Amino acid sequence: MLTLSSIVLFVLIAVAVLPLLLVGILFLFAQFNLPIPTKLVDVVRIALNVAWSVGAILNIVGGLALAAVAVWLPVHNPTRTHLVLAPLLVGAGLWRLWRGVTAFPRKG
C-alpha cells in the first residue's frame, strides 16, 4: 500500500508541476524572442486542463470525505465539541464539493 500511495502522490505532483514547467518554457521562448511553437501552446493548454480537472476531482473527493467524517464523528463520539463542530465541517465539506463540481473546464 505504501508503494501505491507513493505512486499516486508522485503522479499528483507531476500533474500539478508539469503545466508550470511548460509555461516557464514558453516564457523563455518569449524572453529570447524565439518563435513559440503552436504545438507547445497546445500541450500547455491540455496540461492546464488536466491539472485543473484533477484538482476538481480532488476537491470533490475531499469534500465528500470531510462531510462524511463530520457526520460519522458525532455519532460515534458524541461529545459537545463534536456536536458543535459537525455542522461546520459538513458545511465546509459541501462547500469544497461545490468548488470541485464547478471547477471543471468548460468547453467553448
Protein backbone atom coordinates (compact mmCIF):
# COMPACT_ATOMS: atom_id res chain seq x y z
CA MET A 1 0.00 0.00 0.00
CA LEU A 2 2.93 2.32 0.62
CA THR A 3 4.04 1.90 -2.97
CA LEU A 4 0.57 2.67 -4.34
CA SER A 5 0.27 5.81 -2.23
CA SER A 6 3.76 6.88 -3.31
CA ILE A 7 2.86 6.41 -6.97
CA VAL A 8 -0.39 8.34 -6.58
CA LEU A 9 1.42 11.15 -4.77
CA PHE A 10 4.12 11.28 -7.47
CA VAL A 11 1.50 11.43 -10.25
CA LEU A 12 -0.45 14.19 -8.50
CA ILE A 13 2.69 16.26 -8.01
CA ALA A 14 3.69 15.71 -11.65
CA VAL A 15 0.24 16.78 -12.86
CA ALA A 16 0.48 19.94 -10.78
CA VAL A 17 4.05 20.86 -11.75
CA LEU A 18 4.08 19.99 -15.47
CA PRO A 19 1.95 22.98 -16.58
CA LEU A 20 4.17 25.33 -14.59
CA LEU A 21 7.26 23.90 -16.23
CA LEU A 22 5.72 24.25 -19.68
CA VAL A 23 4.65 27.84 -19.01
CA GLY A 24 8.23 28.54 -17.91
CA ILE A 25 9.48 27.17 -21.22
CA LEU A 26 7.02 29.43 -23.06
CA PHE A 27 8.31 32.36 -21.01
CA LEU A 28 11.89 31.56 -22.02
CA PHE A 29 10.86 31.43 -25.68
CA ALA A 30 9.28 34.86 -25.31
CA GLN A 31 12.27 36.35 -23.46
CA PHE A 32 14.74 35.25 -26.13
CA ASN A 33 12.43 36.43 -28.95
CA LEU A 34 12.16 32.92 -30.37
CA PRO A 35 9.11 31.80 -32.33
CA ILE A 36 6.75 29.96 -30.00
CA PRO A 37 5.72 26.58 -31.44
CA THR A 38 1.96 26.20 -31.64
CA LYS A 39 2.27 22.55 -30.63
CA LEU A 40 3.84 23.66 -27.35
CA VAL A 41 0.97 26.06 -26.73
CA ASP A 42 -1.49 23.22 -27.37
CA VAL A 43 0.39 20.94 -24.96
CA VAL A 44 0.36 23.68 -22.30
CA ARG A 45 -3.40 24.13 -22.76
CA ILE A 46 -4.03 20.40 -22.42
CA ALA A 47 -1.73 20.13 -19.38
CA LEU A 48 -3.52 23.04 -17.69
CA ASN A 49 -6.92 21.45 -18.38
CA VAL A 50 -5.73 18.12 -16.95
CA ALA A 51 -4.29 19.79 -13.85
CA TRP A 52 -7.49 21.79 -13.33
CA SER A 53 -9.64 18.65 -13.74
CA VAL A 54 -7.51 16.61 -11.34
CA GLY A 55 -7.75 19.42 -8.80
CA ALA A 56 -11.53 19.49 -9.23
CA ILE A 57 -11.74 15.72 -8.68
CA LEU A 58 -9.60 16.02 -5.55
CA ASN A 59 -11.91 18.75 -4.25
CA ILE A 60 -14.94 16.54 -4.87
CA VAL A 61 -13.40 13.55 -3.10
CA GLY A 62 -12.04 15.68 -0.26
CA GLY A 63 -15.38 17.43 0.22
CA LEU A 64 -17.28 14.16 0.37
CA ALA A 65 -14.74 12.72 2.81
CA LEU A 66 -14.88 15.80 5.04
CA ALA A 67 -18.68 15.76 5.11
CA ALA A 68 -18.72 12.01 5.81
CA VAL A 69 -16.29 12.33 8.72
CA ALA A 70 -18.30 15.26 10.07
CA VAL A 71 -21.44 13.11 10.10
CA TRP A 72 -19.67 10.00 11.43
CA LEU A 73 -17.73 11.58 14.30
CA PRO A 74 -20.59 12.83 16.50
CA VAL A 75 -22.44 9.56 16.03
CA HIS A 76 -19.54 7.53 17.39
CA ASN A 77 -18.18 10.06 19.88
CA PRO A 78 -20.98 12.42 20.93
CA THR A 79 -19.04 14.97 22.94
CA ARG A 80 -20.17 18.58 22.97
CA THR A 81 -17.24 19.72 20.86
CA HIS A 82 -18.00 17.19 18.14
CA LEU A 83 -21.69 18.06 18.18
CA VAL A 84 -20.88 21.76 17.73
CA LEU A 85 -18.19 21.32 15.08
CA ALA A 86 -20.04 18.72 12.98
CA PRO A 87 -22.34 21.21 11.18
CA LEU A 88 -19.36 23.45 10.41
CA LEU A 89 -17.42 20.54 8.96
CA VAL A 90 -20.40 19.39 6.92
CA GLY A 91 -20.70 22.91 5.55
CA ALA A 92 -17.00 23.04 4.73
CA GLY A 93 -17.18 19.63 3.03
CA LEU A 94 -20.20 20.61 0.94
CA TRP A 95 -18.53 23.91 0.02
CA ARG A 96 -15.42 22.03 -1.13
CA LEU A 97 -17.61 19.60 -3.06
CA TRP A 98 -19.33 22.52 -4.77
CA ARG A 99 -15.99 24.14 -5.63
CA GLY A 100 -14.85 20.87 -7.18
CA VAL A 101 -18.01 20.43 -9.26
CA THR A 102 -17.95 24.00 -10.58
CA ALA A 103 -14.20 23.97 -11.31
CA PHE A 104 -14.29 21.68 -14.33
CA PRO A 105 -13.09 23.44 -17.50
CA ARG A 106 -15.91 24.50 -19.80
CA LYS A 107 -15.94 23.71 -23.48
CA GLY A 108 -16.14 26.65 -25.78
